[in-house]
Each structure stands twice: as C-alpha cells, then as structure tokens.
C-alpha cells in the first residue's frame, strides 16, 4: 500500500513541546521510536511505541503515539490493524486535530483500496474537523482526488471551486488555481480553465511565488490557446510594478512565452536580449540574454547567422556578473550571492560548450567549479553542488577527449531535442557523461546539474 511519511500529520516540535512536561524516559522512548520510523525500521519502531504506551500510559502524546503505531502497521502491510486504531482516534477525539489527521489517513487508505464512498465520508468528516485555511485545503484536496478516483468529475470540480473560496493566501490560491486549470483543460473547458489560472494572480506574491505562477502561465497559455491574454497579463505586471526586479521578471517570462511560438519567436528573442539593457542589475536581466542565445540556436532557420550571434551573446553574458564576482565586499558579506554569480558564469561556459561545440568552454566551466570550491569553503551546500558539478564536468571532459566524435554527436542530438541512447560498447562512463549534458538545467535564479 502506498503510504508515505509526508502524510503523517504530527509536527515534531509540537510533540517535543508537550513531551517536555513528561518524564524524561517517555520522551527518550518517543524520540528513539520516531527515529526508527524515519529510518524505515517500522517493526522496531512499532514495538518501541507499544512499549512506550505500556510504560507511560499517562504520557500526553499517547493518542499521537497510537497513530504512529497505526502508521507502522500500514507500512508493514497490515491495513486492518491500522484502520482500527485510526477509527478509534477519530471517534474518541471528535472536532480536534487528532480526529482530523485520523480521518485523513482513513480517507487515503480508502482511496488506495478503491473504497471511494468510504473515502468521501472520511474526508467529509475531516472537513468538519478542520479550522485553519491550510488544513481545510489539505482535506478538500483529498476529497477532490477521491471524487476523481471514483470518476465523479463534476463533484471534483465542485470541490476545487470550494477550495478557491477557502483559499485566501495568494500562494494557496495559486496552487488551487493551477490544479483547477489542469482539471478543466483535461475536460476540454479551455475558457473556464484560463479564467481559473488568470484569476489567481496577486501582486502580493513574492518574487519566488510569482516565478512559479509565471511558469504555470507558460504551460497554460498554449494549452488554453490564450497567448494574447498571457502577453497582456505580463505587460500589466510590468506596468503596475514599482521595482525593477519585478518588472524584469515579468518581461523575462513574456519574452520566453513569445519565443516559444513561431509567430513571435523573433520578437521574443529581441525582448530577452533587451531586458539586460533596461534592467542590467536584476537577476532576470543578467540571465535573459542567455535564454535568447538558446532560443536563437534552436531556430537556425529563422536566424541565418545563428552560430556567430550566439557566440557573441554568450561572450557578452559572461560579463553580466562581473560586478558580483569581482566585488570582495559581496564575497565577504554576501557569500551566497557571490557563489551564485560564479555558478551562473560557469553555467554559461557549459552552455557555450554545448551550443558551440567548444571543448575549451567546458574546461572553463570546470575551472569555475574549482574557483567556487576554493572561495566558498564555509558554504556546505554550495561546496557540495560545486563538487558534484565538477565531477560531472570531469567525466564530460574525459569522454570528449577520448571519444570526441561520439561525444559531439551526442551533444548535437541533445541540442536537437533527441535523447541519445549510447550503444553498449560505448560504456557506462560515456553514457553517463553525455546524458548529463542533456539534463543540465538553467534559470535566472540558479543552476542545477543533474547526473
């Protein structure tokens, strides 16, 4: 049975806060049992939880401990034992967080077992137990999925509309709107779907939340056939925003959307190239020319001098981070920002290698990874990312040297959007290194190299 720790509802800091008033042995047993559960040692964890119940029956968290026992039963493929405990908790503690979490678990189990009527009942009971916005949305989402699984699309849509009414926080409305859009698109209701996604934009969204929303629009506009409406929305954000970062962000995604169409490709590339001129010190302004270069190289029939144009754009883009990576003040007082700048520069070098079939650029990327490891030893996450990236680059350099014809053929295929499948004779190292070239993802806000 599919059942994950993500759905386990108890929050550890609440548990520890309550447990602090109890006897130390009870708290120690609780911690030990929970650690075993996190380690997926479910049988041992259950036994430890059961020992805790017997040794300390007055422990404040006994109901939560019992739910953990039930969770362990679920992981042990003993759903009947788990269900009995969850039902007991739901009945004994009505209209509380405990019954809420027990009913959610029961609803999930019922969906997995295709007992959809039971699932609807449990989630409906959980709605009555919920009070906060986030909890109610979680329960309604479960109810919507139960209706979906049962084939009752109308009730699923109705539930999602209830979620839209409940969702007041911008980030919640964004998530619900995207879910409703996907459902409506699948049903062929394009107009209604677009209204759902367009209505959830809120100026109060943070830059990160707004980026997620704009990414959703990039998918939604083609699916709903609403390019013009999306362009209008992006332009409205640019006009209404007061900060350059927000303006450049909306312009960036406007350019990406335009460049994704045949009709507006050239215009989109022009927009992306111009953002850096207008907003040179913004996150999106620094990166936008790089996106323009990738769009140009993907449409060489539209851009006859694509190779030379891309080479010029990327060479210029390397200097978009000079004020960050050459500023010791930034390196001392904002080391993560400085490291980010170096990562972006290294990524541009790697893109130059892939787009222009240039091995020297790959070596420059490797040198940049070395610089990051030397400069930012006090940033564990950045160090780990740089090390992983450098190992990946080393593999690519090795393959490009020992099997150059094979390596660059793979790069050309990936550049054309074809996922290569190396022959067995090429060896695992060749396959891994070239596949990694295809999965390097880039963005204005960061980079990630996936092996």
Protein backbone atom coordinates (compact mmCIF):
# COMPACT_ATOMS: atom_id res chain seq x y z
CA UNK A 1 0.00 0.00 0.00
CA UNK A 2 1.28 3.40 -0.92
CA UNK A 3 1.68 5.34 2.29
CA UNK A 4 4.38 7.95 2.87
CA UNK A 5 5.80 9.76 5.87
CA UNK A 6 4.78 13.04 4.25
CA UNK A 7 1.18 12.30 5.16
CA UNK A 8 1.99 11.68 8.82
CA UNK A 9 0.40 14.71 10.39
CA UNK A 10 2.07 15.19 13.75
CA UNK A 11 4.57 18.01 13.93
CA UNK A 12 7.66 17.14 15.88
CA UNK A 13 8.12 20.50 17.53
CA UNK A 14 4.60 20.30 18.96
CA UNK A 15 5.28 16.81 20.18
CA UNK A 16 8.53 17.77 21.87
CA UNK A 17 6.94 20.83 23.44
CA UNK A 18 4.25 18.71 25.05
CA UNK A 19 6.61 15.88 25.90
CA UNK A 20 8.90 18.24 27.78
CA UNK A 21 6.41 18.22 30.65
CA UNK A 22 6.55 14.44 30.91
CA UNK A 23 9.07 12.06 32.41
CA UNK A 24 12.40 12.01 30.55
CA UNK A 25 12.21 8.26 29.86
CA UNK A 26 8.93 8.72 27.98
CA UNK A 27 10.43 11.48 25.86
CA UNK A 28 13.52 9.38 25.21
CA UNK A 29 11.43 6.41 24.15
CA UNK A 30 9.36 8.66 21.89
CA UNK A 31 12.47 10.07 20.23
CA UNK A 32 14.00 6.63 19.77
CA UNK A 33 10.83 5.17 18.26
CA UNK A 34 10.34 8.11 15.92
CA UNK A 35 13.96 7.90 14.76
CA UNK A 36 13.49 4.22 13.96
CA UNK A 37 10.40 5.13 11.95
CA UNK A 38 12.24 7.80 9.97
CA UNK A 39 14.88 5.17 9.23
CA UNK A 40 12.05 2.99 7.84
CA UNK A 41 12.61 0.35 10.52
CA UNK A 42 8.87 0.09 11.03
CA UNK A 43 8.62 -3.13 13.01
CA UNK A 44 11.17 -2.00 15.59
CA UNK A 45 9.59 1.45 15.71
CA UNK A 46 6.15 -0.02 16.37
CA UNK A 47 7.45 -2.24 19.14
CA UNK A 48 9.14 0.77 20.76
CA UNK A 49 5.96 2.84 20.50
CA UNK A 50 3.97 -0.01 22.05
CA UNK A 51 6.49 -0.29 24.88
CA UNK A 52 6.07 3.45 25.47
CA UNK A 53 2.28 3.07 25.71
CA UNK A 54 2.64 0.32 28.31
CA UNK A 55 5.37 2.04 30.32
CA UNK A 56 3.82 5.50 30.32
CA UNK A 57 0.03 5.25 29.81
CA UNK A 58 -0.41 8.82 31.09
CA UNK A 59 2.05 10.31 28.59
CA UNK A 60 0.43 13.37 26.98
CA UNK A 61 1.07 12.15 23.46
CA UNK A 62 -0.40 8.66 23.75
CA UNK A 63 -3.05 9.36 21.04
CA UNK A 64 -0.30 10.52 18.66
CA UNK A 65 1.83 7.53 19.63
CA UNK A 66 -1.07 5.24 18.80
CA UNK A 67 -1.40 6.87 15.39
CA UNK A 68 2.29 6.23 14.84
CA UNK A 69 1.66 2.59 15.71
CA UNK A 70 -1.09 2.56 13.08
CA UNK A 71 1.23 4.19 10.56
CA UNK A 72 3.77 1.45 11.20
CA UNK A 73 1.07 -1.16 10.66
CA UNK A 74 0.35 0.44 7.30
CA UNK A 75 3.99 0.29 6.29
CA UNK A 76 4.02 -3.34 7.40
CA UNK A 77 1.11 -4.06 5.03
CA UNK A 78 -1.32 -4.59 7.93
CA UNK A 79 -4.07 -2.12 6.94
CA UNK A 80 -6.83 -3.67 9.07
CA UNK A 81 -4.85 -3.14 12.26
CA UNK A 82 -4.04 0.43 11.19
CA UNK A 83 -7.62 1.24 10.29
CA UNK A 84 -8.95 0.06 13.64
CA UNK A 85 -6.67 2.46 15.51
CA UNK A 86 -7.44 5.42 13.24
CA UNK A 87 -11.19 4.86 13.67
CA UNK A 88 -10.79 4.71 17.42
CA UNK A 89 -8.86 8.00 17.47
CA UNK A 90 -11.38 9.73 15.18
CA UNK A 91 -14.31 8.67 17.39
CA UNK A 92 -12.61 9.41 20.70
CA UNK A 93 -11.39 12.92 19.83
CA UNK A 94 -14.07 14.50 17.59
CA UNK A 95 -13.56 18.03 16.24
CA UNK A 96 -9.87 18.06 17.11
CA UNK A 97 -6.60 17.96 15.22
CA UNK A 98 -6.33 14.29 16.20
CA UNK A 99 -9.60 13.31 14.52
CA UNK A 100 -8.66 15.47 11.54
CA UNK A 101 -5.43 13.59 10.98
CA UNK A 102 -7.01 10.20 11.66
CA UNK A 103 -9.78 10.86 9.11
CA UNK A 104 -7.26 12.00 6.51
CA UNK A 105 -5.35 8.77 6.98
CA UNK A 106 -8.57 6.76 6.73
CA UNK A 107 -9.52 8.64 3.57
CA UNK A 108 -6.14 7.95 1.97
CA UNK A 109 -6.41 4.27 2.83
CA UNK A 110 -9.92 4.05 1.41
CA UNK A 111 -8.82 5.64 -1.89
CA UNK A 112 -5.92 3.21 -2.15
CA UNK A 113 -8.35 0.33 -1.58
CA UNK A 114 -10.83 1.82 -4.10
CA UNK A 115 -13.46 2.21 -1.39
CA UNK A 116 -14.47 5.59 -2.73
CA UNK A 117 -17.71 6.03 -0.77
CA UNK A 118 -15.81 5.44 2.46
CA UNK A 119 -13.10 7.85 1.33
CA UNK A 120 -15.63 10.60 0.67
CA UNK A 121 -17.15 10.05 4.11
CA UNK A 122 -13.78 10.22 5.90
CA UNK A 123 -12.65 13.34 4.06
CA UNK A 124 -16.03 14.98 4.63
CA UNK A 125 -15.70 14.27 8.35
CA UNK A 126 -12.21 15.74 8.25
CA UNK A 127 -13.54 18.93 6.64
CA UNK A 128 -15.81 19.36 9.67
CA UNK A 129 -12.77 18.93 11.94
CA UNK A 130 -10.62 21.47 10.10
CA UNK A 131 -10.44 25.12 11.03
CA UNK A 132 -7.31 26.70 9.56
CA UNK A 133 -7.05 27.52 5.87
CA UNK A 134 -4.16 25.19 5.15
CA UNK A 135 -5.78 22.22 6.94
CA UNK A 136 -9.11 22.72 5.19
CA UNK A 137 -7.43 22.94 1.80
CA UNK A 138 -5.49 19.74 2.50
CA UNK A 139 -8.70 17.90 3.34
CA UNK A 140 -10.65 19.29 0.39
CA UNK A 141 -7.80 18.33 -1.92
CA UNK A 142 -8.05 14.77 -0.63
CA UNK A 143 -11.81 14.86 -1.18
CA UNK A 144 -11.34 16.14 -4.73
CA UNK A 145 -8.92 13.35 -5.53
CA UNK A 146 -11.33 10.81 -4.06
CA UNK A 147 -14.07 12.05 -6.37
CA UNK A 148 -11.61 11.92 -9.28
CA UNK A 149 -10.68 8.34 -8.49
CA UNK A 150 -14.37 7.47 -8.34
CA UNK A 151 -14.95 9.05 -11.75
CA UNK A 152 -17.17 11.82 -10.35
CA UNK A 153 -15.61 14.74 -12.22
CA UNK A 154 -18.41 17.21 -11.54
CA UNK A 155 -18.07 16.75 -7.78
CA UNK A 156 -14.28 17.01 -8.06
CA UNK A 157 -14.63 20.36 -9.86
CA UNK A 158 -17.18 21.50 -7.31
CA UNK A 159 -14.74 20.66 -4.53
CA UNK A 160 -11.92 22.56 -6.24
CA UNK A 161 -14.23 25.57 -6.51
CA UNK A 162 -14.83 25.26 -2.77
CA UNK A 163 -11.07 25.29 -2.34
CA UNK A 164 -10.87 28.53 -4.33
CA UNK A 165 -13.38 30.06 -1.93
CA UNK A 166 -11.40 28.87 1.08
CA UNK A 167 -8.00 29.93 -0.25
CA UNK A 168 -7.26 33.50 0.82
CA UNK A 169 -3.47 33.44 0.94
CA UNK A 170 -2.01 34.19 -2.53
CA UNK A 171 0.25 31.11 -2.50
CA UNK A 172 -2.71 28.88 -1.67
CA UNK A 173 -4.84 30.41 -4.42
CA UNK A 174 -2.01 29.87 -6.87
CA UNK A 175 -1.76 26.19 -6.05
CA UNK A 176 -5.53 25.64 -6.20
CA UNK A 177 -5.87 27.65 -9.41
CA UNK A 178 -3.21 25.57 -11.13
CA UNK A 179 -4.92 22.36 -10.01
CA UNK A 180 -8.31 23.59 -11.22
CA UNK A 181 -6.79 24.68 -14.54
CA UNK A 182 -5.32 21.22 -15.16
CA UNK A 183 -8.63 19.52 -14.41
CA UNK A 184 -10.61 21.86 -16.67
CA UNK A 185 -8.11 21.56 -19.53
CA UNK A 186 -8.33 17.78 -19.37
CA UNK A 187 -12.11 18.15 -19.69
CA UNK A 188 -11.75 20.45 -22.69
CA UNK A 189 -13.06 23.53 -20.87
CA UNK A 190 -10.40 25.95 -22.13
CA UNK A 191 -12.21 29.21 -21.41
CA UNK A 192 -13.09 28.22 -17.86
CA UNK A 193 -9.58 26.85 -17.34
CA UNK A 194 -7.95 30.10 -18.41
CA UNK A 195 -10.23 32.13 -16.14
CA UNK A 196 -9.21 29.89 -13.25
CA UNK A 197 -5.46 30.41 -13.72
CA UNK A 198 -5.67 34.08 -14.70
CA UNK A 199 -7.78 34.98 -11.68
CA UNK A 200 -5.26 33.83 -9.08
CA UNK A 201 -2.55 36.39 -9.84
CA UNK A 202 -1.94 38.63 -6.83
CA UNK A 203 0.58 41.49 -6.59
CA UNK A 204 1.28 40.32 -3.04
CA UNK A 205 3.00 37.19 -4.32
CA UNK A 206 6.69 37.06 -3.50
CA UNK A 207 9.17 37.00 -6.39
CA UNK A 208 9.60 33.25 -5.93
CA UNK A 209 5.84 32.63 -5.83
CA UNK A 210 5.40 34.91 -8.84
CA UNK A 211 8.03 32.94 -10.73
CA UNK A 212 6.11 29.74 -10.06
CA UNK A 213 2.95 31.45 -11.29
CA UNK A 214 4.62 32.71 -14.45
CA UNK A 215 5.99 29.24 -15.13
CA UNK A 216 2.44 27.93 -14.83
CA UNK A 217 1.32 30.56 -17.36
CA UNK A 218 3.97 29.37 -19.81
CA UNK A 219 2.25 25.99 -19.75
CA UNK A 220 -1.29 27.32 -19.51
CA UNK A 221 -1.29 29.78 -22.41
CA UNK A 222 -0.52 27.19 -25.13
CA UNK A 223 -2.85 24.61 -23.59
CA UNK A 224 -5.74 27.09 -23.46
CA UNK A 225 -4.80 28.91 -26.67
CA UNK A 226 -4.55 32.22 -24.77
CA UNK A 227 -1.26 33.70 -25.91
CA UNK A 228 -2.59 37.23 -26.35
CA UNK A 229 -4.22 37.21 -22.93
CA UNK A 230 -0.98 35.97 -21.34
CA UNK A 231 1.02 38.71 -23.08
CA UNK A 232 -1.46 41.25 -21.75
CA UNK A 233 -1.12 39.88 -18.24
CA UNK A 234 2.69 40.05 -18.33
CA UNK A 235 2.57 43.59 -19.71
CA UNK A 236 0.14 44.65 -17.00
CA UNK A 237 2.50 43.32 -14.33
CA UNK A 238 5.39 45.27 -15.86
CA UNK A 239 3.37 48.48 -15.92
CA UNK A 240 1.98 48.10 -12.39
CA UNK A 241 5.21 47.01 -10.67
CA UNK A 242 7.35 49.58 -8.90
CA UNK A 243 10.56 47.55 -8.52
CA UNK A 244 12.97 46.73 -11.33
CA UNK A 245 13.30 43.09 -10.22
CA UNK A 246 9.56 42.53 -10.61
CA UNK A 247 9.48 44.38 -13.94
CA UNK A 248 12.40 42.37 -15.33
CA UNK A 249 10.85 39.13 -14.11
CA UNK A 250 7.56 39.73 -15.93
CA UNK A 251 9.44 40.91 -19.05
CA UNK A 252 11.60 37.79 -18.91
CA UNK A 253 8.65 35.40 -18.92
CA UNK A 254 6.87 37.50 -21.52
CA UNK A 255 9.91 37.06 -23.77
CA UNK A 256 10.08 33.32 -23.06
CA UNK A 257 6.43 32.88 -23.99
CA UNK A 258 6.81 34.86 -27.19
CA UNK A 259 9.97 32.99 -28.16
CA UNK A 260 8.15 29.68 -27.75
CA UNK A 261 5.90 30.48 -30.73
CA UNK A 262 6.74 30.53 -34.41
CA UNK A 263 4.85 33.76 -34.95
CA UNK A 264 6.52 35.73 -32.16
CA UNK A 265 9.89 33.96 -31.99
CA UNK A 266 11.99 36.85 -33.30
CA UNK A 267 10.10 39.33 -31.12
CA UNK A 268 10.58 37.13 -28.05
CA UNK A 269 14.34 36.87 -28.67
CA UNK A 270 14.53 40.64 -29.09
CA UNK A 271 12.69 41.13 -25.78
CA UNK A 272 15.04 38.75 -23.98
CA UNK A 273 18.11 40.50 -25.37
CA UNK A 274 16.77 43.93 -24.43
CA UNK A 275 15.94 43.14 -20.78
CA UNK A 276 19.59 43.31 -19.78
CA UNK A 277 19.90 46.76 -21.30
CA UNK A 278 16.89 48.06 -19.37
CA UNK A 279 17.41 46.19 -16.08
CA UNK A 280 21.13 45.26 -16.04
CA UNK A 281 21.47 44.69 -12.30
CA UNK A 282 18.48 42.42 -11.86
CA UNK A 283 18.50 38.63 -11.62
CA UNK A 284 16.46 38.19 -14.78
CA UNK A 285 18.22 40.97 -16.66
CA UNK A 286 21.58 39.28 -16.16
CA UNK A 287 20.33 35.91 -17.42
CA UNK A 288 17.84 36.89 -20.15
CA UNK A 289 20.45 37.17 -22.97
CA UNK A 290 21.49 33.58 -22.28
CA UNK A 291 17.91 32.44 -22.82
CA UNK A 292 17.88 34.48 -26.02
CA UNK A 293 21.01 32.66 -27.21
CA UNK A 294 19.43 29.27 -26.58
CA UNK A 295 16.32 30.28 -28.50
CA UNK A 296 18.43 31.51 -31.42
CA UNK A 297 20.40 28.28 -31.64
CA UNK A 298 17.18 26.25 -31.54
CA UNK A 299 15.89 28.07 -34.65
CA UNK A 300 18.80 28.37 -37.07
CA UNK A 301 16.37 28.53 -39.99
CA UNK A 302 15.00 31.80 -38.61
CA UNK A 303 18.39 33.21 -37.61
CA UNK A 304 20.80 32.65 -40.55
CA UNK A 305 23.88 33.77 -38.58
CA UNK A 306 22.85 31.83 -35.51
CA UNK A 307 26.28 30.48 -34.51
CA UNK A 308 28.08 33.81 -34.63
CA UNK A 309 25.15 35.57 -32.94
CA UNK A 310 25.04 33.02 -30.12
CA UNK A 311 28.81 33.22 -29.65
CA UNK A 312 28.61 37.00 -29.29
CA UNK A 313 25.65 36.91 -26.91
CA UNK A 314 27.22 34.33 -24.60
CA UNK A 315 30.61 36.05 -24.60
CA UNK A 316 28.92 39.27 -23.57
CA UNK A 317 26.72 37.49 -21.00
CA UNK A 318 29.78 36.21 -19.16
CA UNK A 319 30.41 39.80 -18.06
CA UNK A 320 26.90 40.31 -16.71
CA UNK A 321 28.12 39.01 -13.33
CA UNK A 322 31.43 40.89 -13.16
CA UNK A 323 30.16 43.36 -10.55
CA UNK A 324 29.28 40.41 -8.28
CA UNK A 325 32.20 38.04 -8.71
CA UNK A 326 34.84 40.79 -8.70
CA UNK A 327 33.48 42.56 -5.63
CA UNK A 328 35.27 41.42 -2.47
CA UNK A 329 32.64 43.17 -0.36
CA UNK A 330 29.97 40.91 -1.85
CA UNK A 331 32.18 37.87 -1.37
CA UNK A 332 32.74 38.75 2.32
CA UNK A 333 29.29 39.93 3.35
CA UNK A 334 27.03 38.17 0.82
CA UNK A 335 28.93 34.97 0.03
CA UNK A 336 25.89 33.11 -1.29
CA UNK A 337 25.19 35.88 -3.78
CA UNK A 338 28.83 35.76 -4.88
CA UNK A 339 28.71 31.97 -5.22
CA UNK A 340 25.52 32.26 -7.24
CA UNK A 341 27.29 34.64 -9.62
CA UNK A 342 30.12 32.17 -10.13
CA UNK A 343 27.67 29.32 -10.72
CA UNK A 344 25.90 31.38 -13.38
CA UNK A 345 29.18 32.18 -15.12
CA UNK A 346 30.20 28.52 -15.07
CA UNK A 347 26.84 27.51 -16.47
CA UNK A 348 27.23 29.95 -19.33
CA UNK A 349 30.62 28.36 -20.12
CA UNK A 350 28.99 24.93 -20.16
CA UNK A 351 26.21 26.19 -22.42
CA UNK A 352 28.83 27.68 -24.74
CA UNK A 353 30.36 24.22 -24.96
CA UNK A 354 27.06 22.56 -25.79
CA UNK A 355 25.75 25.20 -28.18
CA UNK A 356 29.00 25.97 -29.98
CA UNK A 357 30.62 22.51 -29.70
CA UNK A 358 33.57 24.06 -27.90
CA UNK A 359 35.70 21.92 -25.58
CA UNK A 360 37.67 24.92 -24.25
CA UNK A 361 34.43 26.32 -22.84
CA UNK A 362 33.90 23.03 -21.00
CA UNK A 363 37.32 23.42 -19.41
CA UNK A 364 36.40 26.98 -18.37
CA UNK A 365 33.29 25.63 -16.67
CA UNK A 366 35.44 23.14 -14.76
CA UNK A 367 37.82 25.92 -13.71
CA UNK A 368 34.85 27.92 -12.45
CA UNK A 369 33.70 24.99 -10.32
CA UNK A 370 37.21 24.88 -8.84
CA UNK A 371 37.04 28.59 -8.02
CA UNK A 372 33.74 28.07 -6.20
CA UNK A 373 35.22 25.25 -4.12
CA UNK A 374 38.25 27.37 -3.24
CA UNK A 375 36.37 30.55 -2.41
CA UNK A 376 33.32 29.26 -0.56
CA UNK A 377 34.56 26.54 1.77
CA UNK A 378 32.28 27.85 4.52
CA UNK A 379 29.13 27.22 2.47
CA UNK A 380 28.43 23.46 2.70
CA UNK A 381 25.57 23.35 0.20
CA UNK A 382 27.45 25.36 -2.40
CA UNK A 383 30.56 23.26 -1.85
CA UNK A 384 28.59 20.05 -2.34
CA UNK A 385 26.92 21.36 -5.50
CA UNK A 386 30.24 22.56 -6.92
CA UNK A 387 31.91 19.22 -6.18
CA UNK A 388 29.13 17.23 -7.82
CA UNK A 389 29.15 19.59 -10.79
CA UNK A 390 32.93 19.37 -11.17
CA UNK A 391 32.82 15.58 -11.14
CA UNK A 392 30.22 15.68 -13.88
CA UNK A 393 32.32 18.12 -15.91
CA UNK A 394 35.41 15.96 -15.45
CA UNK A 395 33.55 12.99 -16.90
CA UNK A 396 32.45 15.07 -19.87
CA UNK A 397 35.98 16.33 -20.47
CA UNK A 398 37.31 12.78 -20.36
CA UNK A 399 34.75 11.50 -22.85
CA UNK A 400 35.20 14.48 -25.16
CA UNK A 401 38.94 13.78 -25.23
CA UNK A 402 38.91 10.01 -25.55
CA UNK A 403 35.82 9.69 -27.80
CA UNK A 404 35.39 13.15 -29.39
CA UNK A 405 33.37 12.05 -32.41
CA UNK A 406 30.94 10.11 -30.27
CA UNK A 407 30.69 12.86 -27.63
CA UNK A 408 29.92 15.72 -30.00
CA UNK A 409 27.47 13.59 -31.97
CA UNK A 410 25.59 13.04 -28.73
CA UNK A 411 25.67 16.76 -27.95
CA UNK A 412 24.26 17.57 -31.40
CA UNK A 413 21.45 15.08 -30.88
CA UNK A 414 20.59 16.52 -27.50
CA UNK A 415 20.74 20.04 -28.86
CA UNK A 416 18.15 18.93 -31.41
CA UNK A 417 15.94 17.61 -28.63
CA UNK A 418 16.76 13.94 -29.21
CA UNK A 419 17.63 11.87 -26.17
CA UNK A 420 20.59 9.72 -27.25
CA UNK A 421 20.91 6.06 -26.36
CA UNK A 422 24.59 5.13 -26.48
CA UNK A 423 25.47 1.65 -27.69
CA UNK A 424 26.64 -0.80 -25.06
CA UNK A 425 30.16 -0.71 -26.45
CA UNK A 426 30.41 2.98 -25.54
CA UNK A 427 30.47 2.05 -21.86
CA UNK A 428 28.65 3.37 -18.82
CA UNK A 429 31.02 6.30 -18.36
CA UNK A 430 30.33 7.64 -21.85
CA UNK A 431 26.60 7.17 -21.44
CA UNK A 432 26.52 8.90 -18.06
CA UNK A 433 28.62 11.87 -19.11
CA UNK A 434 26.74 12.64 -22.29
CA UNK A 435 23.34 12.09 -20.74
CA UNK A 436 24.30 14.58 -18.04
CA UNK A 437 24.93 17.14 -20.78
CA UNK A 438 21.29 16.92 -21.74
CA UNK A 439 19.94 17.31 -18.21
CA UNK A 440 21.76 20.42 -17.11
CA UNK A 441 19.01 22.88 -16.27
CA UNK A 442 19.45 26.61 -16.05
CA UNK A 443 17.43 29.56 -14.90
CA UNK A 444 17.75 33.17 -13.96
CA UNK A 445 17.71 32.33 -10.28
CA UNK A 446 20.05 29.37 -10.16
CA UNK A 447 21.52 26.31 -11.79
CA UNK A 448 21.42 22.64 -11.11
CA UNK A 449 23.42 19.93 -12.79
CA UNK A 450 21.70 16.59 -12.63
CA UNK A 451 23.76 13.47 -13.08
